[in-house]
């Protein structure tokens, strides 16, 4: 697993918003520090040098990573 960024919050739509700090692509999975699959990247938006990610949550564990580091496969 590679470091992806910091989970910021859960949007009203239910998606997990992440401040991206490394290169990634849509449709990748997001993991917590234990390797649990918590979300799938749906959209990348914002400025090119400091993008954000909108990800569809896959479990309730997504709420536990708010403010913490998340990883990609």
PDB file of N, CA and C in Angstrom:
ATOM      1  N   UNK A   1       0.841  -1.185   0.000  1.00  0.00           N
ATOM      2  CA  UNK A   1       0.000   0.000   0.000  1.00  0.00           C
ATOM      3  C   UNK A   1       0.881   1.241   0.000  1.00  0.00           C
ATOM      4  N   UNK A   2       0.392   2.273  -0.684  1.00  0.00           N
ATOM      5  CA  UNK A   2       1.113   3.539  -0.769  1.00  0.00           C
ATOM      6  C   UNK A   2       0.265   4.639  -0.145  1.00  0.00           C
ATOM      7  N   UNK A   3       0.937   5.575   0.500  1.00  0.00           N
ATOM      8  CA  UNK A   3       0.257   6.705   1.131  1.00  0.00           C
ATOM      9  C   UNK A   3      -0.495   7.515   0.072  1.00  0.00           C
ATOM     10  N   UNK A   4      -1.745   7.863   0.354  1.00  0.00           N
ATOM     11  CA  UNK A   4      -2.580   8.631  -0.579  1.00  0.00           C
ATOM     12  C   UNK A   4      -2.823  10.048  -0.082  1.00  0.00           C
ATOM     13  N   UNK A   5      -3.222  10.197   1.181  1.00  0.00           N
ATOM     14  CA  UNK A   5      -3.529  11.523   1.708  1.00  0.00           C
ATOM     15  C   UNK A   5      -4.255  11.441   3.039  1.00  0.00           C
ATOM     16  N   UNK A   6      -4.936  12.527   3.390  1.00  0.00           N
ATOM     17  CA  UNK A   6      -5.645  12.636   4.663  1.00  0.00           C
ATOM     18  C   UNK A   6      -7.158  12.668   4.408  1.00  0.00           C
ATOM     19  N   UNK A   7      -7.894  11.826   5.108  1.00  0.00           N
ATOM     20  CA  UNK A   7      -9.359  11.828   5.010  1.00  0.00           C
ATOM     21  C   UNK A   7      -9.884  13.063   5.728  1.00  0.00           C
ATOM     22  N   UNK A   8     -10.626  13.900   5.018  1.00  0.00           N
ATOM     23  CA  UNK A   8     -11.093  15.168   5.570  1.00  0.00           C
ATOM     24  C   UNK A   8     -12.450  15.039   6.268  1.00  0.00           C
ATOM     25  N   UNK A   9     -13.460  14.511   5.564  1.00  0.00           N
ATOM     26  CA  UNK A   9     -14.800  14.395   6.138  1.00  0.00           C
ATOM     27  C   UNK A   9     -15.687  13.550   5.239  1.00  0.00           C
ATOM     28  N   UNK A  10     -16.884  13.260   5.735  1.00  0.00           N
ATOM     29  CA  UNK A  10     -17.908  12.596   4.942  1.00  0.00           C
ATOM     30  C   UNK A  10     -18.872  13.691   4.454  1.00  0.00           C
ATOM     31  N   UNK A  11     -19.037  13.808   3.142  1.00  0.00           N
ATOM     32  CA  UNK A  11     -19.930  14.823   2.560  1.00  0.00           C
ATOM     33  C   UNK A  11     -21.389  14.448   2.783  1.00  0.00           C
ATOM     34  N   UNK A  12     -22.288  15.393   2.550  1.00  0.00           N
ATOM     35  CA  UNK A  12     -23.722  15.126   2.696  1.00  0.00           C
ATOM     36  C   UNK A  12     -24.179  13.992   1.783  1.00  0.00           C
ATOM     37  N   UNK A  13     -23.490  13.818   0.666  1.00  0.00           N
ATOM     38  CA  UNK A  13     -23.821  12.748  -0.276  1.00  0.00           C
ATOM     39  C   UNK A  13     -23.405  11.371   0.245  1.00  0.00           C
ATOM     40  N   UNK A  14     -22.627  11.365   1.334  1.00  0.00           N
ATOM     41  CA  UNK A  14     -22.145  10.116   1.905  1.00  0.00           C
ATOM     42  C   UNK A  14     -20.760   9.725   1.417  1.00  0.00           C
ATOM     43  N   UNK A  15     -20.198  10.529   0.539  1.00  0.00           N
ATOM     44  CA  UNK A  15     -18.861  10.224   0.010  1.00  0.00           C
ATOM     45  C   UNK A  15     -17.769  10.718   0.952  1.00  0.00           C
ATOM     46  N   UNK A  16     -16.671   9.995   0.939  1.00  0.00           N
ATOM     47  CA  UNK A  16     -15.495  10.346   1.731  1.00  0.00           C
ATOM     48  C   UNK A  16     -14.657  11.338   0.926  1.00  0.00           C
ATOM     49  N   UNK A  17     -14.312  12.476   1.521  1.00  0.00           N
ATOM     50  CA  UNK A  17     -13.504  13.501   0.865  1.00  0.00           C
ATOM     51  C   UNK A  17     -12.084  13.406   1.420  1.00  0.00           C
ATOM     52  N   UNK A  18     -11.124  13.328   0.514  1.00  0.00           N
ATOM     53  CA  UNK A  18      -9.715  13.128   0.893  1.00  0.00           C
ATOM     54  C   UNK A  18      -8.860  14.214   0.261  1.00  0.00           C
ATOM     55  N   UNK A  19      -7.950  14.780   1.044  1.00  0.00           N
ATOM     56  CA  UNK A  19      -6.946  15.724   0.544  1.00  0.00           C
ATOM     57  C   UNK A  19      -5.815  14.876  -0.002  1.00  0.00           C
ATOM     58  N   UNK A  20      -5.699  14.828  -1.325  1.00  0.00           N
ATOM     59  CA  UNK A  20      -4.738  13.953  -1.990  1.00  0.00           C
ATOM     60  C   UNK A  20      -3.327  14.525  -1.903  1.00  0.00           C
ATOM     61  N   UNK A  21      -2.360  13.672  -1.545  1.00  0.00           N
ATOM     62  CA  UNK A  21      -0.972  14.107  -1.442  1.00  0.00           C
ATOM     63  C   UNK A  21      -0.042  13.246  -2.290  1.00  0.00           C
ATOM     64  N   UNK A  22      -0.599  12.384  -3.138  1.00  0.00           N
ATOM     65  CA  UNK A  22       0.202  11.608  -4.074  1.00  0.00           C
ATOM     66  C   UNK A  22      -0.621  11.328  -5.324  1.00  0.00           C
ATOM     67  N   UNK A  23       0.051  10.938  -6.375  1.00  0.00           N
ATOM     68  CA  UNK A  23      -0.621  10.693  -7.651  1.00  0.00           C
ATOM     69  C   UNK A  23      -1.520   9.470  -7.568  1.00  0.00           C
ATOM     70  N   UNK A  24      -2.697   9.556  -8.185  1.00  0.00           N
ATOM     71  CA  UNK A  24      -3.635   8.436  -8.181  1.00  0.00           C
ATOM     72  C   UNK A  24      -4.543   8.524  -9.398  1.00  0.00           C
ATOM     73  N   UNK A  25      -5.398   7.539  -9.552  1.00  0.00           N
ATOM     74  CA  UNK A  25      -6.350   7.540 -10.660  1.00  0.00           C
ATOM     75  C   UNK A  25      -7.722   7.101 -10.155  1.00  0.00           C
ATOM     76  N   UNK A  26      -8.751   7.427 -10.931  1.00  0.00           N
ATOM     77  CA  UNK A  26     -10.112   7.043 -10.561  1.00  0.00           C
ATOM     78  C   UNK A  26     -10.249   5.531 -10.562  1.00  0.00           C
ATOM     79  N   UNK A  27     -11.225   5.048  -9.821  1.00  0.00           N
ATOM     80  CA  UNK A  27     -11.553   3.623  -9.691  1.00  0.00           C
ATOM     81  C   UNK A  27     -10.539   2.808  -8.899  1.00  0.00           C
ATOM     82  N   UNK A  28      -9.621   3.463  -8.201  1.00  0.00           N
ATOM     83  CA  UNK A  28      -8.715   2.764  -7.287  1.00  0.00           C
ATOM     84  C   UNK A  28      -9.400   2.620  -5.939  1.00  0.00           C
ATOM     85  N   UNK A  29      -8.955   1.663  -5.155  1.00  0.00           N
ATOM     86  CA  UNK A  29      -9.507   1.470  -3.822  1.00  0.00           C
ATOM     87  C   UNK A  29      -8.675   2.201  -2.787  1.00  0.00           C
ATOM     88  N   UNK A  30      -9.337   2.576  -1.691  1.00  0.00           N
ATOM     89  CA  UNK A  30      -8.702   3.275  -0.580  1.00  0.00           C
ATOM     90  C   UNK A  30      -8.749   2.369   0.649  1.00  0.00           C
ATOM     91  N   UNK A  31      -7.645   2.345   1.394  1.00  0.00           N
ATOM     92  CA  UNK A  31      -7.504   1.476   2.554  1.00  0.00           C
ATOM     93  C   UNK A  31      -7.157   2.280   3.795  1.00  0.00           C
ATOM     94  N   UNK A  32      -7.499   1.734   4.971  1.00  0.00           N
ATOM     95  CA  UNK A  32      -7.052   2.344   6.224  1.00  0.00           C
ATOM     96  C   UNK A  32      -5.664   1.788   6.555  1.00  0.00           C
ATOM     97  N   UNK A  33      -5.093   2.185   7.696  1.00  0.00           N
ATOM     98  CA  UNK A  33      -3.733   1.768   8.032  1.00  0.00           C
ATOM     99  C   UNK A  33      -3.604   0.268   8.282  1.00  0.00           C
ATOM    100  N   UNK A  34      -4.714  -0.397   8.560  1.00  0.00           N
ATOM    101  CA  UNK A  34      -4.696  -1.842   8.800  1.00  0.00           C
ATOM    102  C   UNK A  34      -4.888  -2.655   7.523  1.00  0.00           C
ATOM    103  N   UNK A  35      -5.127  -1.968   6.414  1.00  0.00           N
ATOM    104  CA  UNK A  35      -5.322  -2.648   5.148  1.00  0.00           C
ATOM    105  C   UNK A  35      -6.761  -2.994   4.833  1.00  0.00           C
ATOM    106  N   UNK A  36      -7.706  -2.450   5.605  1.00  0.00           N
ATOM    107  CA  UNK A  36      -9.128  -2.667   5.336  1.00  0.00           C
ATOM    108  C   UNK A  36      -9.569  -1.780   4.182  1.00  0.00           C
ATOM    109  N   UNK A  37     -10.248  -2.351   3.201  1.00  0.00           N
ATOM    110  CA  UNK A  37     -10.767  -1.599   2.064  1.00  0.00           C
ATOM    111  C   UNK A  37     -11.959  -0.779   2.549  1.00  0.00           C
ATOM    112  N   UNK A  38     -11.862   0.552   2.448  1.00  0.00           N
ATOM    113  CA  UNK A  38     -12.919   1.403   2.999  1.00  0.00           C
ATOM    114  C   UNK A  38     -13.686   2.206   1.961  1.00  0.00           C
ATOM    115  N   UNK A  39     -13.088   2.438   0.779  1.00  0.00           N
ATOM    116  CA  UNK A  39     -13.758   3.267  -0.228  1.00  0.00           C
ATOM    117  C   UNK A  39     -13.169   3.029  -1.615  1.00  0.00           C
ATOM    118  N   UNK A  40     -13.895   3.526  -2.617  1.00  0.00           N
ATOM    119  CA  UNK A  40     -13.442   3.451  -4.004  1.00  0.00           C
ATOM    120  C   UNK A  40     -13.478   4.858  -4.592  1.00  0.00           C
ATOM    121  N   UNK A  41     -12.370   5.283  -5.191  1.00  0.00           N
ATOM    122  CA  UNK A  41     -12.279   6.624  -5.760  1.00  0.00           C
ATOM    123  C   UNK A  41     -13.283   6.768  -6.900  1.00  0.00           C
ATOM    124  N   UNK A  42     -14.078   7.822  -6.824  1.00  0.00           N
ATOM    125  CA  UNK A  42     -15.077   8.093  -7.846  1.00  0.00           C
ATOM    126  C   UNK A  42     -14.682   9.302  -8.690  1.00  0.00           C
ATOM    127  N   UNK A  43     -14.126  10.332  -8.033  1.00  0.00           N
ATOM    128  CA  UNK A  43     -13.850  11.587  -8.732  1.00  0.00           C
ATOM    129  C   UNK A  43     -12.642  12.280  -8.115  1.00  0.00           C
ATOM    130  N   UNK A  44     -11.844  12.904  -8.965  1.00  0.00           N
ATOM    131  CA  UNK A  44     -10.712  13.712  -8.521  1.00  0.00           C
ATOM    132  C   UNK A  44     -11.004  15.139  -8.979  1.00  0.00           C
ATOM    133  N   UNK A  45     -10.926  16.095  -8.049  1.00  0.00           N
ATOM    134  CA  UNK A  45     -11.295  17.470  -8.390  1.00  0.00           C
ATOM    135  C   UNK A  45     -10.416  18.466  -7.660  1.00  0.00           C
ATOM    136  N   UNK A  46     -10.498  19.733  -8.065  1.00  0.00           N
ATOM    137  CA  UNK A  46      -9.731  20.795  -7.428  1.00  0.00           C
ATOM    138  C   UNK A  46      -8.501  21.150  -8.233  1.00  0.00           C
ATOM    139  N   UNK A  47      -7.624  21.958  -7.653  1.00  0.00           N
ATOM    140  CA  UNK A  47      -6.423  22.386  -8.371  1.00  0.00           C
ATOM    141  C   UNK A  47      -5.480  21.207  -8.659  1.00  0.00           C
ATOM    142  N   UNK A  48      -4.783  21.282  -9.764  1.00  0.00           N
ATOM    143  CA  UNK A  48      -3.909  20.190 -10.187  1.00  0.00           C
ATOM    144  C   UNK A  48      -2.805  19.915  -9.173  1.00  0.00           C
ATOM    145  N   UNK A  49      -2.247  20.944  -8.576  1.00  0.00           N
ATOM    146  CA  UNK A  49      -1.135  20.747  -7.644  1.00  0.00           C
ATOM    147  C   UNK A  49      -1.588  20.403  -6.223  1.00  0.00           C
ATOM    148  N   UNK A  50      -2.893  20.419  -5.967  1.00  0.00           N
ATOM    149  CA  UNK A  50      -3.414  20.086  -4.638  1.00  0.00           C
ATOM    150  C   UNK A  50      -4.849  19.560  -4.747  1.00  0.00           C
ATOM    151  N   UNK A  51      -5.027  18.390  -5.392  1.00  0.00           N
ATOM    152  CA  UNK A  51      -6.389  17.893  -5.646  1.00  0.00           C
ATOM    153  C   UNK A  51      -7.062  17.253  -4.434  1.00  0.00           C
ATOM    154  N   UNK A  52      -8.356  17.067  -4.574  1.00  0.00           N
ATOM    155  CA  UNK A  52      -9.160  16.353  -3.594  1.00  0.00           C
ATOM    156  C   UNK A  52      -9.774  15.143  -4.280  1.00  0.00           C
ATOM    157  N   UNK A  53     -10.170  14.171  -3.479  1.00  0.00           N
ATOM    158  CA  UNK A  53     -10.787  12.952  -3.990  1.00  0.00           C
ATOM    159  C   UNK A  53     -12.149  12.791  -3.349  1.00  0.00           C
ATOM    160  N   UNK A  54     -13.116  12.402  -4.161  1.00  0.00           N
ATOM    161  CA  UNK A  54     -14.437  12.024  -3.682  1.00  0.00           C
ATOM    162  C   UNK A  54     -14.533  10.516  -3.877  1.00  0.00           C
ATOM    163  N   UNK A  55     -14.784   9.787  -2.792  1.00  0.00           N
ATOM    164  CA  UNK A  55     -14.790   8.323  -2.861  1.00  0.00           C
ATOM    165  C   UNK A  55     -16.079   7.756  -2.274  1.00  0.00           C
ATOM    166  N   UNK A  56     -16.588   6.717  -2.907  1.00  0.00           N
ATOM    167  CA  UNK A  56     -17.783   6.031  -2.431  1.00  0.00           C
ATOM    168  C   UNK A  56     -17.364   5.108  -1.291  1.00  0.00           C
ATOM    169  N   UNK A  57     -17.970   5.284  -0.135  1.00  0.00           N
ATOM    170  CA  UNK A  57     -17.614   4.449   1.018  1.00  0.00           C
ATOM    171  C   UNK A  57     -18.142   3.031   0.827  1.00  0.00           C
ATOM    172  N   UNK A  58     -17.366   2.068   1.299  1.00  0.00           N
ATOM    173  CA  UNK A  58     -17.731   0.662   1.174  1.00  0.00           C
ATOM    174  C   UNK A  58     -18.151   0.049   2.499  1.00  0.00           C
ATOM    175  N   UNK A  59     -17.856   0.741   3.603  1.00  0.00           N
ATOM    176  CA  UNK A  59     -18.232   0.224   4.914  1.00  0.00           C
ATOM    177  C   UNK A  59     -18.315   1.364   5.920  1.00  0.00           C
ATOM    178  N   UNK A  60     -18.814   1.049   7.096  1.00  0.00           N
ATOM    179  CA  UNK A  60     -18.903   2.033   8.181  1.00  0.00           C
ATOM    180  C   UNK A  60     -17.513   2.418   8.702  1.00  0.00           C
ATOM    181  N   UNK A  61     -16.500   1.624   8.375  1.00  0.00           N
ATOM    182  CA  UNK A  61     -15.136   1.907   8.836  1.00  0.00           C
ATOM    183  C   UNK A  61     -14.607   3.219   8.268  1.00  0.00           C
ATOM    184  N   UNK A  62     -15.220   3.710   7.198  1.00  0.00           N
ATOM    185  CA  UNK A  62     -14.779   4.966   6.587  1.00  0.00           C
ATOM    186  C   UNK A  62     -14.875   6.126   7.578  1.00  0.00           C
ATOM    187  N   UNK A  63     -15.860   6.097   8.460  1.00  0.00           N
ATOM    188  CA  UNK A  63     -16.017   7.173   9.446  1.00  0.00           C
ATOM    189  C   UNK A  63     -14.863   7.207  10.442  1.00  0.00           C
ATOM    190  N   UNK A  64     -14.223   6.082  10.649  1.00  0.00           N
ATOM    191  CA  UNK A  64     -13.121   5.997  11.621  1.00  0.00           C
ATOM    192  C   UNK A  64     -11.828   6.630  11.139  1.00  0.00           C
ATOM    193  N   UNK A  65     -11.699   6.880   9.830  1.00  0.00           N
ATOM    194  CA  UNK A  65     -10.440   7.406   9.309  1.00  0.00           C
ATOM    195  C   UNK A  65     -10.426   8.922   9.155  1.00  0.00           C
ATOM    196  N   UNK A  66     -11.495   9.594   9.527  1.00  0.00           N
ATOM    197  CA  UNK A  66     -11.551  11.054   9.406  1.00  0.00           C
ATOM    198  C   UNK A  66     -10.387  11.672  10.179  1.00  0.00           C
ATOM    199  N   UNK A  67      -9.601  12.500   9.488  1.00  0.00           N
ATOM    200  CA  UNK A  67      -8.448  13.144  10.098  1.00  0.00           C
ATOM    201  C   UNK A  67      -7.191  12.286  10.121  1.00  0.00           C
ATOM    202  N   UNK A  68      -7.265  11.103   9.527  1.00  0.00           N
ATOM    203  CA  UNK A  68      -6.122  10.175   9.538  1.00  0.00           C
ATOM    204  C   UNK A  68      -5.634   9.907   8.116  1.00  0.00           C
ATOM    205  N   UNK A  69      -4.467   9.282   8.029  1.00  0.00           N
ATOM    206  CA  UNK A  69      -3.879   8.924   6.744  1.00  0.00           C
ATOM    207  C   UNK A  69      -4.637   7.767   6.118  1.00  0.00           C
ATOM    208  N   UNK A  70      -4.779   7.816   4.794  1.00  0.00           N
ATOM    209  CA  UNK A  70      -5.372   6.707   4.039  1.00  0.00           C
ATOM    210  C   UNK A  70      -4.395   6.309   2.945  1.00  0.00           C
ATOM    211  N   UNK A  71      -4.581   5.105   2.421  1.00  0.00           N
ATOM    212  CA  UNK A  71      -3.631   4.519   1.488  1.00  0.00           C
ATOM    213  C   UNK A  71      -4.344   3.985   0.253  1.00  0.00           C
ATOM    214  N   UNK A  72      -3.588   3.754  -0.816  1.00  0.00           N
ATOM    215  CA  UNK A  72      -4.136   3.211  -2.056  1.00  0.00           C
ATOM    216  C   UNK A  72      -3.441   1.889  -2.368  1.00  0.00           C
ATOM    217  N   UNK A  73      -4.037   1.144  -3.281  1.00  0.00           N
ATOM    218  CA  UNK A  73      -3.444  -0.140  -3.657  1.00  0.00           C
ATOM    219  C   UNK A  73      -2.392   0.017  -4.731  1.00  0.00           C
TER     220      UNK A  73
END
